[in-house]
Amino acid sequence: MTLIIGGAYQNKYEWALSKYKEQNIWNDFHLFVKENLAAGKTSDEIKQVIESKINSKPGIVIISDEIGCGIIPATKEERTYRETTGRLLCFIASKAESVYRITCGVEQKIK
Protein backbone atom coordinates (compact mmCIF):
# COMPACT_ATOMS: atom_id res chain seq x y z
CA MET A 1 0.00 0.00 0.00
CA THR A 2 1.10 3.53 -0.74
CA LEU A 3 -0.08 6.76 0.90
CA ILE A 4 0.20 10.08 -0.94
CA ILE A 5 -0.43 13.30 0.96
CA GLY A 6 -0.07 16.99 0.19
CA GLY A 7 -1.92 20.25 0.00
CA ALA A 8 -4.92 20.82 -2.21
CA TYR A 9 -4.19 21.26 -5.94
CA GLN A 10 -0.60 19.98 -5.74
CA ASN A 11 -1.03 17.38 -8.55
CA LYS A 12 -1.15 14.40 -6.20
CA TYR A 13 -3.59 12.48 -8.39
CA GLU A 14 -1.73 13.24 -11.60
CA TRP A 15 1.55 12.16 -9.99
CA ALA A 16 -0.06 8.93 -8.80
CA LEU A 17 -1.42 8.23 -12.29
CA SER A 18 2.04 8.69 -13.80
CA LYS A 19 3.54 6.24 -11.33
CA TYR A 20 0.77 3.73 -10.66
CA LYS A 21 -1.40 3.83 -13.85
CA GLU A 22 -4.83 3.84 -12.12
CA GLN A 23 -4.21 0.60 -10.24
CA ASN A 24 -6.39 0.69 -7.14
CA ILE A 25 -6.20 4.46 -6.63
CA TRP A 26 -8.40 5.79 -3.81
CA ASN A 27 -8.45 9.55 -4.34
CA ASP A 28 -9.81 12.20 -1.93
CA PHE A 29 -9.55 10.07 1.20
CA HIS A 30 -10.16 13.18 3.31
CA LEU A 31 -13.62 13.59 1.72
CA PHE A 32 -14.43 9.95 2.50
CA VAL A 33 -13.74 10.70 6.17
CA LYS A 34 -15.87 13.86 6.08
CA GLU A 35 -18.82 12.03 4.49
CA ASN A 36 -18.66 9.19 7.00
CA LEU A 37 -18.49 11.55 9.99
CA ALA A 38 -21.47 13.47 8.58
CA ALA A 39 -23.33 10.16 8.33
CA GLY A 40 -22.75 9.60 12.06
CA LYS A 41 -19.99 7.01 11.89
CA THR A 42 -17.35 6.94 14.61
CA SER A 43 -13.62 7.00 14.07
CA ASP A 44 -13.45 3.29 14.91
CA GLU A 45 -16.17 2.43 12.40
CA ILE A 46 -14.36 4.37 9.68
CA LYS A 47 -11.10 2.62 10.62
CA GLN A 48 -12.79 -0.77 10.15
CA VAL A 49 -13.87 0.22 6.63
CA ILE A 50 -10.31 1.34 5.86
CA GLU A 51 -8.82 -1.93 7.17
CA SER A 52 -11.27 -3.92 5.08
CA LYS A 53 -10.43 -1.94 1.95
CA ILE A 54 -6.67 -2.22 2.58
CA ASN A 55 -6.91 -5.98 3.13
CA SER A 56 -9.10 -6.59 0.09
CA LYS A 57 -7.01 -4.51 -2.35
CA PRO A 58 -3.30 -5.24 -2.11
CA GLY A 59 -1.25 -2.46 -3.65
CA ILE A 60 -3.91 0.20 -3.05
CA VAL A 61 -2.77 3.82 -3.43
CA ILE A 62 -4.51 6.23 -1.03
CA ILE A 63 -4.43 9.96 -1.80
CA SER A 64 -5.43 12.61 0.72
CA ASP A 65 -5.16 16.32 1.20
CA GLU A 66 -3.25 17.39 4.29
CA ILE A 67 -5.84 19.30 6.27
CA GLY A 68 -4.06 19.65 9.61
CA CYS A 69 -1.91 22.63 8.73
CA GLY A 70 -3.32 26.09 9.02
CA ILE A 71 -5.95 27.84 11.07
CA ILE A 72 -7.77 25.79 13.69
CA PRO A 73 -11.41 25.44 12.59
CA ALA A 74 -14.01 27.40 14.56
CA THR A 75 -16.64 24.66 14.74
CA LYS A 76 -16.44 21.46 16.76
CA GLU A 77 -17.46 19.42 13.71
CA GLU A 78 -14.63 20.78 11.59
CA ARG A 79 -12.11 20.23 14.40
CA THR A 80 -13.33 16.64 14.79
CA TYR A 81 -13.05 16.11 11.03
CA ARG A 82 -9.51 17.47 10.98
CA GLU A 83 -8.39 15.42 13.98
CA THR A 84 -10.05 12.20 12.79
CA THR A 85 -8.56 12.54 9.31
CA GLY A 86 -5.11 13.14 10.77
CA ARG A 87 -5.31 10.15 13.11
CA LEU A 88 -6.59 7.87 10.34
CA LEU A 89 -3.77 9.02 8.03
CA CYS A 90 -1.27 8.19 10.81
CA PHE A 91 -2.80 4.72 11.00
CA ILE A 92 -2.58 4.28 7.23
CA ALA A 93 1.01 5.56 7.16
CA SER A 94 1.98 3.01 9.81
CA LYS A 95 0.68 0.20 7.57
CA ALA A 96 1.95 1.61 4.24
CA GLU A 97 5.05 0.35 2.48
CA SER A 98 5.70 3.86 1.20
CA VAL A 99 4.47 7.37 1.95
CA TYR A 100 4.96 10.37 -0.35
CA ARG A 101 4.32 14.07 0.15
CA ILE A 102 3.61 15.92 -3.09
CA THR A 103 4.23 19.66 -3.33
CA CYS A 104 3.98 21.52 -6.65
CA GLY A 105 3.85 18.14 -8.40
CA VAL A 106 7.21 17.09 -6.94
CA GLU A 107 7.39 14.05 -4.71
CA GLN A 108 9.25 13.67 -1.46
CA LYS A 109 9.44 10.12 -0.14
CA ILE A 110 8.96 10.24 3.61
CA LYS A 111 8.69 6.49 4.18
C-alpha atoms as a PDB file:
ATOM      1  CA  MET A   1       0.000   0.000   0.000  1.00  0.00           C
ATOM      2  CA  THR A   2       1.101   3.533  -0.735  1.00  0.00           C
ATOM      3  CA  LEU A   3      -0.078   6.761   0.897  1.00  0.00           C
ATOM      4  CA  ILE A   4       0.204  10.077  -0.936  1.00  0.00           C
ATOM      5  CA  ILE A   5      -0.426  13.304   0.960  1.00  0.00           C
ATOM      6  CA  GLY A   6      -0.072  16.988   0.188  1.00  0.00           C
ATOM      7  CA  GLY A   7      -1.918  20.252  -0.003  1.00  0.00           C
ATOM      8  CA  ALA A   8      -4.916  20.820  -2.215  1.00  0.00           C
ATOM      9  CA  TYR A   9      -4.188  21.260  -5.938  1.00  0.00           C
ATOM     10  CA  GLN A  10      -0.596  19.980  -5.740  1.00  0.00           C
ATOM     11  CA  ASN A  11      -1.035  17.377  -8.549  1.00  0.00           C
ATOM     12  CA  LYS A  12      -1.150  14.395  -6.201  1.00  0.00           C
ATOM     13  CA  TYR A  13      -3.591  12.476  -8.392  1.00  0.00           C
ATOM     14  CA  GLU A  14      -1.728  13.244 -11.599  1.00  0.00           C
ATOM     15  CA  TRP A  15       1.552  12.162  -9.985  1.00  0.00           C
ATOM     16  CA  ALA A  16      -0.062   8.930  -8.798  1.00  0.00           C
ATOM     17  CA  LEU A  17      -1.419   8.225 -12.294  1.00  0.00           C
ATOM     18  CA  SER A  18       2.037   8.690 -13.799  1.00  0.00           C
ATOM     19  CA  LYS A  19       3.544   6.242 -11.332  1.00  0.00           C
ATOM     20  CA  TYR A  20       0.765   3.726 -10.661  1.00  0.00           C
ATOM     21  CA  LYS A  21      -1.397   3.833 -13.846  1.00  0.00           C
ATOM     22  CA  GLU A  22      -4.826   3.843 -12.120  1.00  0.00           C
ATOM     23  CA  GLN A  23      -4.214   0.596 -10.236  1.00  0.00           C
ATOM     24  CA  ASN A  24      -6.393   0.693  -7.138  1.00  0.00           C
ATOM     25  CA  ILE A  25      -6.196   4.458  -6.629  1.00  0.00           C
ATOM     26  CA  TRP A  26      -8.401   5.792  -3.812  1.00  0.00           C
ATOM     27  CA  ASN A  27      -8.446   9.553  -4.338  1.00  0.00           C
ATOM     28  CA  ASP A  28      -9.808  12.198  -1.933  1.00  0.00           C
ATOM     29  CA  PHE A  29      -9.551  10.066   1.202  1.00  0.00           C
ATOM     30  CA  HIS A  30     -10.163  13.183   3.310  1.00  0.00           C
ATOM     31  CA  LEU A  31     -13.617  13.595   1.724  1.00  0.00           C
ATOM     32  CA  PHE A  32     -14.429   9.951   2.495  1.00  0.00           C
ATOM     33  CA  VAL A  33     -13.740  10.704   6.170  1.00  0.00           C
ATOM     34  CA  LYS A  34     -15.868  13.863   6.079  1.00  0.00           C
ATOM     35  CA  GLU A  35     -18.817  12.031   4.487  1.00  0.00           C
ATOM     36  CA  ASN A  36     -18.658   9.191   7.005  1.00  0.00           C
ATOM     37  CA  LEU A  37     -18.486  11.547   9.988  1.00  0.00           C
ATOM     38  CA  ALA A  38     -21.469  13.471   8.575  1.00  0.00           C
ATOM     39  CA  ALA A  39     -23.335  10.160   8.333  1.00  0.00           C
ATOM     40  CA  GLY A  40     -22.752   9.605  12.056  1.00  0.00           C
ATOM     41  CA  LYS A  41     -19.988   7.006  11.892  1.00  0.00           C
ATOM     42  CA  THR A  42     -17.350   6.938  14.611  1.00  0.00           C
ATOM     43  CA  SER A  43     -13.620   6.997  14.065  1.00  0.00           C
ATOM     44  CA  ASP A  44     -13.445   3.287  14.911  1.00  0.00           C
ATOM     45  CA  GLU A  45     -16.166   2.427  12.400  1.00  0.00           C
ATOM     46  CA  ILE A  46     -14.357   4.366   9.680  1.00  0.00           C
ATOM     47  CA  LYS A  47     -11.096   2.624  10.618  1.00  0.00           C
ATOM     48  CA  GLN A  48     -12.790  -0.773  10.150  1.00  0.00           C
ATOM     49  CA  VAL A  49     -13.872   0.217   6.634  1.00  0.00           C
ATOM     50  CA  ILE A  50     -10.310   1.340   5.861  1.00  0.00           C
ATOM     51  CA  GLU A  51      -8.818  -1.926   7.166  1.00  0.00           C
ATOM     52  CA  SER A  52     -11.266  -3.923   5.079  1.00  0.00           C
ATOM     53  CA  LYS A  53     -10.426  -1.941   1.953  1.00  0.00           C
ATOM     54  CA  ILE A  54      -6.672  -2.220   2.578  1.00  0.00           C
ATOM     55  CA  ASN A  55      -6.909  -5.978   3.134  1.00  0.00           C
ATOM     56  CA  SER A  56      -9.096  -6.590   0.087  1.00  0.00           C
ATOM     57  CA  LYS A  57      -7.009  -4.511  -2.350  1.00  0.00           C
ATOM     58  CA  PRO A  58      -3.297  -5.236  -2.113  1.00  0.00           C
ATOM     59  CA  GLY A  59      -1.253  -2.461  -3.652  1.00  0.00           C
ATOM     60  CA  ILE A  60      -3.910   0.196  -3.050  1.00  0.00           C
ATOM     61  CA  VAL A  61      -2.770   3.818  -3.426  1.00  0.00           C
ATOM     62  CA  ILE A  62      -4.511   6.226  -1.032  1.00  0.00           C
ATOM     63  CA  ILE A  63      -4.427   9.959  -1.802  1.00  0.00           C
ATOM     64  CA  SER A  64      -5.429  12.605   0.717  1.00  0.00           C
ATOM     65  CA  ASP A  65      -5.161  16.323   1.196  1.00  0.00           C
ATOM     66  CA  GLU A  66      -3.247  17.385   4.289  1.00  0.00           C
ATOM     67  CA  ILE A  67      -5.836  19.297   6.266  1.00  0.00           C
ATOM     68  CA  GLY A  68      -4.060  19.653   9.613  1.00  0.00           C
ATOM     69  CA  CYS A  69      -1.913  22.630   8.725  1.00  0.00           C
ATOM     70  CA  GLY A  70      -3.317  26.088   9.017  1.00  0.00           C
ATOM     71  CA  ILE A  71      -5.948  27.835  11.075  1.00  0.00           C
ATOM     72  CA  ILE A  72      -7.773  25.786  13.690  1.00  0.00           C
ATOM     73  CA  PRO A  73     -11.408  25.439  12.587  1.00  0.00           C
ATOM     74  CA  ALA A  74     -14.009  27.401  14.564  1.00  0.00           C
ATOM     75  CA  THR A  75     -16.643  24.655  14.743  1.00  0.00           C
ATOM     76  CA  LYS A  76     -16.438  21.463  16.758  1.00  0.00           C
ATOM     77  CA  GLU A  77     -17.465  19.421  13.708  1.00  0.00           C
ATOM     78  CA  GLU A  78     -14.629  20.784  11.588  1.00  0.00           C
ATOM     79  CA  ARG A  79     -12.105  20.231  14.400  1.00  0.00           C
ATOM     80  CA  THR A  80     -13.333  16.643  14.793  1.00  0.00           C
ATOM     81  CA  TYR A  81     -13.055  16.110  11.029  1.00  0.00           C
ATOM     82  CA  ARG A  82      -9.509  17.466  10.980  1.00  0.00           C
ATOM     83  CA  GLU A  83      -8.390  15.417  13.981  1.00  0.00           C
ATOM     84  CA  THR A  84     -10.050  12.205  12.789  1.00  0.00           C
ATOM     85  CA  THR A  85      -8.558  12.535   9.311  1.00  0.00           C
ATOM     86  CA  GLY A  86      -5.108  13.137  10.773  1.00  0.00           C
ATOM     87  CA  ARG A  87      -5.310  10.150  13.112  1.00  0.00           C
ATOM     88  CA  LEU A  88      -6.585   7.872  10.343  1.00  0.00           C
ATOM     89  CA  LEU A  89      -3.775   9.022   8.035  1.00  0.00           C
ATOM     90  CA  CYS A  90      -1.268   8.194  10.810  1.00  0.00           C
ATOM     91  CA  PHE A  91      -2.803   4.717  11.003  1.00  0.00           C
ATOM     92  CA  ILE A  92      -2.582   4.277   7.226  1.00  0.00           C
ATOM     93  CA  ALA A  93       1.006   5.559   7.163  1.00  0.00           C
ATOM     94  CA  SER A  94       1.977   3.005   9.806  1.00  0.00           C
ATOM     95  CA  LYS A  95       0.681   0.200   7.566  1.00  0.00           C
ATOM     96  CA  ALA A  96       1.954   1.614   4.244  1.00  0.00           C
ATOM     97  CA  GLU A  97       5.051   0.348   2.481  1.00  0.00           C
ATOM     98  CA  SER A  98       5.702   3.858   1.196  1.00  0.00           C
ATOM     99  CA  VAL A  99       4.465   7.367   1.946  1.00  0.00           C
ATOM    100  CA  TYR A 100       4.957  10.370  -0.350  1.00  0.00           C
ATOM    101  CA  ARG A 101       4.318  14.068   0.147  1.00  0.00           C
ATOM    102  CA  ILE A 102       3.614  15.924  -3.091  1.00  0.00           C
ATOM    103  CA  THR A 103       4.233  19.657  -3.333  1.00  0.00           C
ATOM    104  CA  CYS A 104       3.984  21.515  -6.655  1.00  0.00           C
ATOM    105  CA  GLY A 105       3.847  18.142  -8.404  1.00  0.00           C
ATOM    106  CA  VAL A 106       7.212  17.088  -6.942  1.00  0.00           C
ATOM    107  CA  GLU A 107       7.393  14.048  -4.706  1.00  0.00           C
ATOM    108  CA  GLN A 108       9.249  13.675  -1.457  1.00  0.00           C
ATOM    109  CA  LYS A 109       9.444  10.123  -0.136  1.00  0.00           C
ATOM    110  CA  ILE A 110       8.955  10.241   3.615  1.00  0.00           C
ATOM    111  CA  LYS A 111       8.689   6.489   4.185  1.00  0.00           C
END
